[in-house]
């Protein structure tokens, strides 16, 4: 096989076996309810979106790759509670009737024992390399939050602390809410900070999508010198912030290793009192 034919063969082979995460479907976490009574169950859903409208949509397509996914809940005492082994697959096999590929989503339940702020973090990481060919790395981080109180109210959530903790590893891109994500009201503002490998990430484009209006609601902002963006939100609803950063690293053989870092943060906007 000639050198040119070998390169073409390797490219085609990589395309055929490349994991869906490399194709950058957005993955996010949704929690219901976002303010729950202590010792009552909260439901956590792992959702994967599609490519429609350049990722500026809330539509669902495919599902997370459970083999490479972890899910944890960080409680008010900073303890990480793993739910990875408790994920329930609400989907179908790739060969099932309908669109090609895996379909559905994952659910897990969690019962908060203490009052306070709970952070939910889902992570999916995959590295692919054929022989001595280019390395393909994808790291996806999805975050959301909920609160637990003996008397659960929106007013109680306004006094929450601990929502700005950094929890992702240094190999990921992570949203840090500067605004209390459980105290945002219709017409208000939310500020998010983006961190890349633990450091602030200026000059990155962040997309914000409202669930009900989808593409019609899209806002985009570029992170400032502190890696921060501020959005003015619309009506009460669930909102999805997302970012994707691609990197290429030259290799001695003239090829390039590729890395893709995805991050999402879902938060609830409430009606004004």
C-alpha atoms as a PDB file:
ATOM      1  CA  UNK A   1       0.000   0.000   0.000  1.00  0.00           C
ATOM      2  CA  UNK A   2       1.448   3.382  -1.019  1.00  0.00           C
ATOM      3  CA  UNK A   3       2.005   6.151   1.534  1.00  0.00           C
ATOM      4  CA  UNK A   4      -0.882   8.212   0.117  1.00  0.00           C
ATOM      5  CA  UNK A   5      -3.273   5.260   0.134  1.00  0.00           C
ATOM      6  CA  UNK A   6      -2.240   4.420   3.700  1.00  0.00           C
ATOM      7  CA  UNK A   7      -3.041   7.949   4.886  1.00  0.00           C
ATOM      8  CA  UNK A   8      -6.437   7.862   3.170  1.00  0.00           C
ATOM      9  CA  UNK A   9      -7.177   4.462   4.714  1.00  0.00           C
ATOM     10  CA  UNK A  10      -6.287   5.687   8.208  1.00  0.00           C
ATOM     11  CA  UNK A  11      -8.440   8.802   7.816  1.00  0.00           C
ATOM     12  CA  UNK A  12     -11.446   6.789   6.679  1.00  0.00           C
ATOM     13  CA  UNK A  13     -10.951   4.243   9.478  1.00  0.00           C
ATOM     14  CA  UNK A  14     -10.774   6.957  12.095  1.00  0.00           C
ATOM     15  CA  UNK A  15     -13.968   8.537  10.782  1.00  0.00           C
ATOM     16  CA  UNK A  16     -15.789   5.207  10.981  1.00  0.00           C
ATOM     17  CA  UNK A  17     -14.809   4.401  14.558  1.00  0.00           C
ATOM     18  CA  UNK A  18     -14.676   7.932  15.952  1.00  0.00           C
ATOM     19  CA  UNK A  19     -16.874   8.158  19.068  1.00  0.00           C
ATOM     20  CA  UNK A  20     -19.921  10.369  18.958  1.00  0.00           C
ATOM     21  CA  UNK A  21     -18.454  12.616  21.630  1.00  0.00           C
ATOM     22  CA  UNK A  22     -15.767  13.695  19.147  1.00  0.00           C
ATOM     23  CA  UNK A  23     -18.525  14.939  16.853  1.00  0.00           C
ATOM     24  CA  UNK A  24     -19.422  17.309  19.680  1.00  0.00           C
ATOM     25  CA  UNK A  25     -23.046  16.746  20.472  1.00  0.00           C
ATOM     26  CA  UNK A  26     -23.671  18.980  23.460  1.00  0.00           C
ATOM     27  CA  UNK A  27     -24.296  17.104  26.689  1.00  0.00           C
ATOM     28  CA  UNK A  28     -26.019  18.677  29.668  1.00  0.00           C
ATOM     29  CA  UNK A  29     -27.615  17.955  33.045  1.00  0.00           C
ATOM     30  CA  UNK A  30     -31.207  18.772  34.021  1.00  0.00           C
ATOM     31  CA  UNK A  31     -32.532  18.520  37.589  1.00  0.00           C
ATOM     32  CA  UNK A  32     -36.132  18.397  38.785  1.00  0.00           C
ATOM     33  CA  UNK A  33     -37.086  20.053  41.014  1.00  0.00           C
ATOM     34  CA  UNK A  34     -34.295  22.619  41.321  1.00  0.00           C
ATOM     35  CA  UNK A  35     -35.469  23.502  44.849  1.00  0.00           C
ATOM     36  CA  UNK A  36     -36.508  20.373  46.741  1.00  0.00           C
ATOM     37  CA  UNK A  37     -37.638  19.506  50.246  1.00  0.00           C
ATOM     38  CA  UNK A  38     -34.898  17.959  52.357  1.00  0.00           C
ATOM     39  CA  UNK A  39     -35.014  14.127  52.364  1.00  0.00           C
ATOM     40  CA  UNK A  40     -37.186  14.105  49.225  1.00  0.00           C
ATOM     41  CA  UNK A  41     -35.923  12.863  45.874  1.00  0.00           C
ATOM     42  CA  UNK A  42     -34.457  15.037  43.128  1.00  0.00           C
ATOM     43  CA  UNK A  43     -34.238  13.562  39.604  1.00  0.00           C
ATOM     44  CA  UNK A  44     -31.095  14.099  37.546  1.00  0.00           C
ATOM     45  CA  UNK A  45     -31.195  13.641  33.763  1.00  0.00           C
ATOM     46  CA  UNK A  46     -28.217  13.366  31.401  1.00  0.00           C
ATOM     47  CA  UNK A  47     -29.302  14.813  28.056  1.00  0.00           C
ATOM     48  CA  UNK A  48     -27.458  14.950  24.742  1.00  0.00           C
ATOM     49  CA  UNK A  49     -28.387  17.498  22.089  1.00  0.00           C
ATOM     50  CA  UNK A  50     -27.922  17.492  18.340  1.00  0.00           C
ATOM     51  CA  UNK A  51     -26.092  19.605  15.767  1.00  0.00           C
ATOM     52  CA  UNK A  52     -29.116  21.624  14.636  1.00  0.00           C
ATOM     53  CA  UNK A  53     -28.708  25.355  14.188  1.00  0.00           C
ATOM     54  CA  UNK A  54     -24.972  25.162  14.960  1.00  0.00           C
ATOM     55  CA  UNK A  55     -25.607  23.869  18.491  1.00  0.00           C
ATOM     56  CA  UNK A  56     -28.002  26.735  19.222  1.00  0.00           C
ATOM     57  CA  UNK A  57     -30.958  24.540  20.010  1.00  0.00           C
ATOM     58  CA  UNK A  58     -32.366  22.583  22.936  1.00  0.00           C
ATOM     59  CA  UNK A  59     -33.317  19.589  20.793  1.00  0.00           C
ATOM     60  CA  UNK A  60     -32.383  16.107  21.997  1.00  0.00           C
ATOM     61  CA  UNK A  61     -30.467  13.590  19.897  1.00  0.00           C
ATOM     62  CA  UNK A  62     -28.450  10.515  20.823  1.00  0.00           C
ATOM     63  CA  UNK A  63     -27.320   9.927  24.398  1.00  0.00           C
ATOM     64  CA  UNK A  64     -24.242   9.962  26.583  1.00  0.00           C
ATOM     65  CA  UNK A  65     -21.742   7.115  26.243  1.00  0.00           C
ATOM     66  CA  UNK A  66     -22.227   5.427  29.630  1.00  0.00           C
ATOM     67  CA  UNK A  67     -18.941   3.536  29.364  1.00  0.00           C
ATOM     68  CA  UNK A  68     -16.971   6.774  29.595  1.00  0.00           C
ATOM     69  CA  UNK A  69     -19.337   8.796  31.824  1.00  0.00           C
ATOM     70  CA  UNK A  70     -19.221   9.633  35.524  1.00  0.00           C
ATOM     71  CA  UNK A  71     -21.858  11.477  37.559  1.00  0.00           C
ATOM     72  CA  UNK A  72     -21.346  12.976  41.018  1.00  0.00           C
ATOM     73  CA  UNK A  73     -23.327  15.188  43.397  1.00  0.00           C
ATOM     74  CA  UNK A  74     -21.306  17.510  45.630  1.00  0.00           C
ATOM     75  CA  UNK A  75     -23.260  18.156  48.829  1.00  0.00           C
ATOM     76  CA  UNK A  76     -23.133  21.202  51.161  1.00  0.00           C
ATOM     77  CA  UNK A  77     -20.330  19.524  53.149  1.00  0.00           C
ATOM     78  CA  UNK A  78     -18.217  19.252  49.954  1.00  0.00           C
ATOM     79  CA  UNK A  79     -18.595  15.461  49.890  1.00  0.00           C
ATOM     80  CA  UNK A  80     -18.715  13.945  46.393  1.00  0.00           C
ATOM     81  CA  UNK A  81     -21.480  11.359  46.082  1.00  0.00           C
ATOM     82  CA  UNK A  82     -21.040   9.115  43.042  1.00  0.00           C
ATOM     83  CA  UNK A  83     -24.174   8.211  41.090  1.00  0.00           C
ATOM     84  CA  UNK A  84     -22.352   6.630  38.148  1.00  0.00           C
ATOM     85  CA  UNK A  85     -23.481   3.096  39.039  1.00  0.00           C
ATOM     86  CA  UNK A  86     -27.058   4.260  39.607  1.00  0.00           C
ATOM     87  CA  UNK A  87     -27.710   5.645  36.134  1.00  0.00           C
ATOM     88  CA  UNK A  88     -30.822   4.183  34.501  1.00  0.00           C
ATOM     89  CA  UNK A  89     -30.891   4.002  30.717  1.00  0.00           C
ATOM     90  CA  UNK A  90     -34.148   5.402  29.308  1.00  0.00           C
ATOM     91  CA  UNK A  91     -33.316   4.763  25.677  1.00  0.00           C
ATOM     92  CA  UNK A  92     -32.945   2.283  22.856  1.00  0.00           C
ATOM     93  CA  UNK A  93     -30.080   0.499  21.137  1.00  0.00           C
ATOM     94  CA  UNK A  94     -28.425   2.015  18.102  1.00  0.00           C
ATOM     95  CA  UNK A  95     -30.119  -0.614  15.895  1.00  0.00           C
ATOM     96  CA  UNK A  96     -33.649   0.210  17.112  1.00  0.00           C
ATOM     97  CA  UNK A  97     -36.257   1.695  14.794  1.00  0.00           C
ATOM     98  CA  UNK A  98     -35.818   5.411  14.149  1.00  0.00           C
ATOM     99  CA  UNK A  99     -32.787   7.632  13.511  1.00  0.00           C
ATOM    100  CA  UNK A 100     -29.427   5.873  13.363  1.00  0.00           C
ATOM    101  CA  UNK A 101     -27.354   5.816  16.511  1.00  0.00           C
ATOM    102  CA  UNK A 102     -28.166   5.529  20.226  1.00  0.00           C
ATOM    103  CA  UNK A 103     -31.335   7.260  21.365  1.00  0.00           C
ATOM    104  CA  UNK A 104     -32.632   8.351  24.750  1.00  0.00           C
ATOM    105  CA  UNK A 105     -31.195   9.658  28.003  1.00  0.00           C
ATOM    106  CA  UNK A 106     -30.084   8.593  31.485  1.00  0.00           C
ATOM    107  CA  UNK A 107     -31.760   9.257  34.827  1.00  0.00           C
ATOM    108  CA  UNK A 108     -30.582   9.013  38.414  1.00  0.00           C
ATOM    109  CA  UNK A 109     -32.244  10.036  41.667  1.00  0.00           C
ATOM    110  CA  UNK A 110     -30.672  11.608  44.718  1.00  0.00           C
ATOM    111  CA  UNK A 111     -32.114  12.269  48.187  1.00  0.00           C
ATOM    112  CA  UNK A 112     -30.517  15.273  49.929  1.00  0.00           C
ATOM    113  CA  UNK A 113     -30.037  14.761  53.664  1.00  0.00           C
ATOM    114  CA  UNK A 114     -28.888  18.281  54.517  1.00  0.00           C
ATOM    115  CA  UNK A 115     -30.099  21.771  53.741  1.00  0.00           C
ATOM    116  CA  UNK A 116     -28.055  23.829  51.313  1.00  0.00           C
ATOM    117  CA  UNK A 117     -26.543  23.952  47.839  1.00  0.00           C
ATOM    118  CA  UNK A 118     -25.915  20.790  45.769  1.00  0.00           C
ATOM    119  CA  UNK A 119     -23.722  20.782  42.672  1.00  0.00           C
ATOM    120  CA  UNK A 120     -24.160  18.105  40.002  1.00  0.00           C
ATOM    121  CA  UNK A 121     -21.226  17.287  37.721  1.00  0.00           C
ATOM    122  CA  UNK A 122     -21.247  14.871  34.782  1.00  0.00           C
ATOM    123  CA  UNK A 123     -18.055  14.070  32.905  1.00  0.00           C
ATOM    124  CA  UNK A 124     -17.354  12.113  29.731  1.00  0.00           C
ATOM    125  CA  UNK A 125     -13.795  11.652  28.480  1.00  0.00           C
ATOM    126  CA  UNK A 126     -12.464   9.599  25.588  1.00  0.00           C
ATOM    127  CA  UNK A 127      -9.073   9.204  23.906  1.00  0.00           C
ATOM    128  CA  UNK A 128      -8.747   7.495  20.542  1.00  0.00           C
ATOM    129  CA  UNK A 129      -5.569   6.633  18.693  1.00  0.00           C
ATOM    130  CA  UNK A 130      -4.894   4.114  15.939  1.00  0.00           C
ATOM    131  CA  UNK A 131      -1.388   2.710  16.057  1.00  0.00           C
ATOM    132  CA  UNK A 132       0.968   5.685  15.710  1.00  0.00           C
ATOM    133  CA  UNK A 133      -1.671   7.909  14.107  1.00  0.00           C
ATOM    134  CA  UNK A 134      -3.046  11.201  15.443  1.00  0.00           C
ATOM    135  CA  UNK A 135      -4.520  11.214  18.919  1.00  0.00           C
ATOM    136  CA  UNK A 136      -8.138  12.346  19.298  1.00  0.00           C
ATOM    137  CA  UNK A 137      -9.175  13.517  22.770  1.00  0.00           C
ATOM    138  CA  UNK A 138     -12.615  14.723  23.902  1.00  0.00           C
ATOM    139  CA  UNK A 139     -13.540  15.911  27.382  1.00  0.00           C
ATOM    140  CA  UNK A 140     -17.120  16.925  28.184  1.00  0.00           C
ATOM    141  CA  UNK A 141     -18.170  18.613  31.423  1.00  0.00           C
ATOM    142  CA  UNK A 142     -21.829  19.287  32.265  1.00  0.00           C
ATOM    143  CA  UNK A 143     -22.917  21.057  35.437  1.00  0.00           C
ATOM    144  CA  UNK A 144     -26.130  22.121  37.117  1.00  0.00           C
ATOM    145  CA  UNK A 145     -27.311  22.671  40.682  1.00  0.00           C
ATOM    146  CA  UNK A 146     -30.212  22.294  43.065  1.00  0.00           C
ATOM    147  CA  UNK A 147     -30.984  23.229  46.662  1.00  0.00           C
ATOM    148  CA  UNK A 148     -32.654  21.451  49.559  1.00  0.00           C
ATOM    149  CA  UNK A 149     -34.553  23.070  52.448  1.00  0.00           C
ATOM    150  CA  UNK A 150     -36.968  21.941  55.128  1.00  0.00           C
ATOM    151  CA  UNK A 151     -39.325  24.525  53.619  1.00  0.00           C
ATOM    152  CA  UNK A 152     -38.291  24.788  49.949  1.00  0.00           C
ATOM    153  CA  UNK A 153     -38.890  28.263  48.504  1.00  0.00           C
ATOM    154  CA  UNK A 154     -37.291  30.485  45.897  1.00  0.00           C
ATOM    155  CA  UNK A 155     -36.725  33.088  48.615  1.00  0.00           C
ATOM    156  CA  UNK A 156     -34.712  30.601  50.691  1.00  0.00           C
ATOM    157  CA  UNK A 157     -32.396  29.910  47.746  1.00  0.00           C
ATOM    158  CA  UNK A 158     -31.238  33.532  47.623  1.00  0.00           C
ATOM    159  CA  UNK A 159     -28.979  33.058  50.632  1.00  0.00           C
ATOM    160  CA  UNK A 160     -27.121  30.038  49.264  1.00  0.00           C
ATOM    161  CA  UNK A 161     -23.321  29.883  49.312  1.00  0.00           C
ATOM    162  CA  UNK A 162     -20.760  27.593  47.706  1.00  0.00           C
ATOM    163  CA  UNK A 163     -22.034  27.835  44.122  1.00  0.00           C
ATOM    164  CA  UNK A 164     -18.704  29.190  42.794  1.00  0.00           C
ATOM    165  CA  UNK A 165     -16.536  26.188  43.678  1.00  0.00           C
ATOM    166  CA  UNK A 166     -14.222  24.698  41.036  1.00  0.00           C
ATOM    167  CA  UNK A 167     -14.721  20.943  40.789  1.00  0.00           C
ATOM    168  CA  UNK A 168     -13.578  19.797  37.322  1.00  0.00           C
ATOM    169  CA  UNK A 169     -10.094  18.440  36.684  1.00  0.00           C
ATOM    170  CA  UNK A 170      -7.326  20.494  35.091  1.00  0.00           C
ATOM    171  CA  UNK A 171      -7.825  18.730  31.745  1.00  0.00           C
ATOM    172  CA  UNK A 172     -11.314  20.222  31.252  1.00  0.00           C
ATOM    173  CA  UNK A 173     -13.210  23.433  30.509  1.00  0.00           C
ATOM    174  CA  UNK A 174     -15.625  24.427  33.279  1.00  0.00           C
ATOM    175  CA  UNK A 175     -18.286  27.058  33.915  1.00  0.00           C
ATOM    176  CA  UNK A 176     -18.185  28.733  37.328  1.00  0.00           C
ATOM    177  CA  UNK A 177     -21.338  30.720  38.222  1.00  0.00           C
ATOM    178  CA  UNK A 178     -20.521  34.098  39.729  1.00  0.00           C
ATOM    179  CA  UNK A 179     -24.237  34.786  40.161  1.00  0.00           C
ATOM    180  CA  UNK A 180     -26.182  32.465  42.470  1.00  0.00           C
ATOM    181  CA  UNK A 181     -27.680  30.088  39.834  1.00  0.00           C
ATOM    182  CA  UNK A 182     -30.740  29.423  42.025  1.00  0.00           C
ATOM    183  CA  UNK A 183     -31.607  33.083  42.610  1.00  0.00           C
ATOM    184  CA  UNK A 184     -32.003  34.332  39.017  1.00  0.00           C
ATOM    185  CA  UNK A 185     -35.346  35.954  38.168  1.00  0.00           C
ATOM    186  CA  UNK A 186     -36.970  36.848  34.844  1.00  0.00           C
ATOM    187  CA  UNK A 187     -35.364  39.897  33.305  1.00  0.00           C
ATOM    188  CA  UNK A 188     -32.347  39.633  35.612  1.00  0.00           C
ATOM    189  CA  UNK A 189     -28.702  38.959  34.887  1.00  0.00           C
ATOM    190  CA  UNK A 190     -26.414  35.961  35.201  1.00  0.00           C
ATOM    191  CA  UNK A 191     -22.615  36.058  35.180  1.00  0.00           C
ATOM    192  CA  UNK A 192     -20.564  32.980  34.364  1.00  0.00           C
ATOM    193  CA  UNK A 193     -16.801  32.516  34.476  1.00  0.00           C
ATOM    194  CA  UNK A 194     -15.095  30.082  32.116  1.00  0.00           C
ATOM    195  CA  UNK A 195     -12.012  28.225  33.270  1.00  0.00           C
ATOM    196  CA  UNK A 196      -9.714  26.185  31.079  1.00  0.00           C
ATOM    197  CA  UNK A 197      -7.271  23.855  32.818  1.00  0.00           C
ATOM    198  CA  UNK A 198      -8.002  25.717  36.035  1.00  0.00           C
ATOM    199  CA  UNK A 199      -7.217  29.169  34.611  1.00  0.00           C
ATOM    200  CA  UNK A 200      -9.620  31.861  33.387  1.00  0.00           C
ATOM    201  CA  UNK A 201     -10.351  31.613  29.656  1.00  0.00           C
ATOM    202  CA  UNK A 202     -10.774  35.027  27.930  1.00  0.00           C
ATOM    203  CA  UNK A 203     -11.811  35.417  24.290  1.00  0.00           C
ATOM    204  CA  UNK A 204     -14.134  32.393  24.121  1.00  0.00           C
ATOM    205  CA  UNK A 205     -17.650  32.555  22.662  1.00  0.00           C
ATOM    206  CA  UNK A 206     -20.406  31.433  25.033  1.00  0.00           C
ATOM    207  CA  UNK A 207     -23.887  30.566  23.768  1.00  0.00           C
ATOM    208  CA  UNK A 208     -27.009  30.841  25.936  1.00  0.00           C
ATOM    209  CA  UNK A 209     -30.229  29.109  24.868  1.00  0.00           C
ATOM    210  CA  UNK A 210     -33.657  29.218  26.485  1.00  0.00           C
ATOM    211  CA  UNK A 211     -35.481  25.866  26.379  1.00  0.00           C
ATOM    212  CA  UNK A 212     -38.917  27.056  25.184  1.00  0.00           C
ATOM    213  CA  UNK A 213     -37.866  29.399  22.361  1.00  0.00           C
ATOM    214  CA  UNK A 214     -34.746  27.477  21.339  1.00  0.00           C
ATOM    215  CA  UNK A 215     -32.877  29.114  18.417  1.00  0.00           C
ATOM    216  CA  UNK A 216     -35.057  32.234  18.584  1.00  0.00           C
ATOM    217  CA  UNK A 217     -33.745  32.935  22.096  1.00  0.00           C
ATOM    218  CA  UNK A 218     -30.035  32.500  21.411  1.00  0.00           C
ATOM    219  CA  UNK A 219     -27.552  34.992  22.835  1.00  0.00           C
ATOM    220  CA  UNK A 220     -23.795  34.913  22.309  1.00  0.00           C
ATOM    221  CA  UNK A 221     -21.127  36.725  24.293  1.00  0.00           C
ATOM    222  CA  UNK A 222     -17.330  36.589  24.315  1.00  0.00           C
ATOM    223  CA  UNK A 223     -15.581  36.141  27.645  1.00  0.00           C
ATOM    224  CA  UNK A 224     -13.738  39.228  28.876  1.00  0.00           C
ATOM    225  CA  UNK A 225     -10.215  39.453  30.281  1.00  0.00           C
ATOM    226  CA  UNK A 226     -11.363  37.654  33.438  1.00  0.00           C
ATOM    227  CA  UNK A 227     -13.011  34.869  31.439  1.00  0.00           C
ATOM    228  CA  UNK A 228     -16.480  36.166  32.323  1.00  0.00           C
ATOM    229  CA  UNK A 229     -19.712  36.804  30.435  1.00  0.00           C
ATOM    230  CA  UNK A 230     -22.929  38.424  31.615  1.00  0.00           C
ATOM    231  CA  UNK A 231     -26.305  37.684  30.048  1.00  0.00           C
ATOM    232  CA  UNK A 232     -29.678  39.321  30.590  1.00  0.00           C
ATOM    233  CA  UNK A 233     -32.203  36.482  30.788  1.00  0.00           C
ATOM    234  CA  UNK A 234     -35.793  36.460  29.542  1.00  0.00           C
ATOM    235  CA  UNK A 235     -38.893  34.757  30.974  1.00  0.00           C
ATOM    236  CA  UNK A 236     -38.857  32.064  33.642  1.00  0.00           C
ATOM    237  CA  UNK A 237     -37.572  28.857  32.082  1.00  0.00           C
ATOM    238  CA  UNK A 238     -34.581  26.520  31.934  1.00  0.00           C
ATOM    239  CA  UNK A 239     -31.474  27.996  30.251  1.00  0.00           C
ATOM    240  CA  UNK A 240     -28.459  26.230  28.749  1.00  0.00           C
ATOM    241  CA  UNK A 241     -25.008  27.852  28.511  1.00  0.00           C
ATOM    242  CA  UNK A 242     -22.495  26.055  26.304  1.00  0.00           C
ATOM    243  CA  UNK A 243     -18.975  26.394  24.912  1.00  0.00           C
ATOM    244  CA  UNK A 244     -16.659  24.261  22.813  1.00  0.00           C
ATOM    245  CA  UNK A 245     -12.915  24.743  22.433  1.00  0.00           C
ATOM    246  CA  UNK A 246     -10.898  22.829  19.825  1.00  0.00           C
ATOM    247  CA  UNK A 247      -7.123  22.445  19.840  1.00  0.00           C
ATOM    248  CA  UNK A 248      -4.603  21.034  17.396  1.00  0.00           C
ATOM    249  CA  UNK A 249      -1.081  19.991  18.396  1.00  0.00           C
ATOM    250  CA  UNK A 250       1.501  19.447  15.599  1.00  0.00           C
ATOM    251  CA  UNK A 251       3.342  16.131  15.598  1.00  0.00           C
ATOM    252  CA  UNK A 252       6.879  15.383  14.351  1.00  0.00           C
ATOM    253  CA  UNK A 253       5.419  13.340  11.472  1.00  0.00           C
ATOM    254  CA  UNK A 254       3.536  16.371  10.134  1.00  0.00           C
ATOM    255  CA  UNK A 255       0.119  15.242  11.392  1.00  0.00           C
ATOM    256  CA  UNK A 256      -1.811  16.866  14.237  1.00  0.00           C
ATOM    257  CA  UNK A 257      -3.261  15.565  17.474  1.00  0.00           C
ATOM    258  CA  UNK A 258      -6.743  16.989  18.082  1.00  0.00           C
ATOM    259  CA  UNK A 259      -8.495  17.817  21.340  1.00  0.00           C
ATOM    260  CA  UNK A 260     -12.062  18.974  21.909  1.00  0.00           C
ATOM    261  CA  UNK A 261     -13.290  20.440  25.199  1.00  0.00           C
ATOM    262  CA  UNK A 262     -17.018  20.923  25.766  1.00  0.00           C
ATOM    263  CA  UNK A 263     -18.761  22.462  28.735  1.00  0.00           C
ATOM    264  CA  UNK A 264     -22.377  23.234  29.617  1.00  0.00           C
ATOM    265  CA  UNK A 265     -24.222  24.755  32.550  1.00  0.00           C
ATOM    266  CA  UNK A 266     -27.992  24.576  32.983  1.00  0.00           C
ATOM    267  CA  UNK A 267     -29.804  26.910  35.386  1.00  0.00           C
ATOM    268  CA  UNK A 268     -33.396  27.780  36.216  1.00  0.00           C
ATOM    269  CA  UNK A 269     -34.841  31.293  35.925  1.00  0.00           C
ATOM    270  CA  UNK A 270     -37.756  31.996  38.267  1.00  0.00           C
ATOM    271  CA  UNK A 271     -40.643  34.440  38.123  1.00  0.00           C
ATOM    272  CA  UNK A 272     -40.233  37.613  40.130  1.00  0.00           C
ATOM    273  CA  UNK A 273     -41.990  37.565  43.539  1.00  0.00           C
END
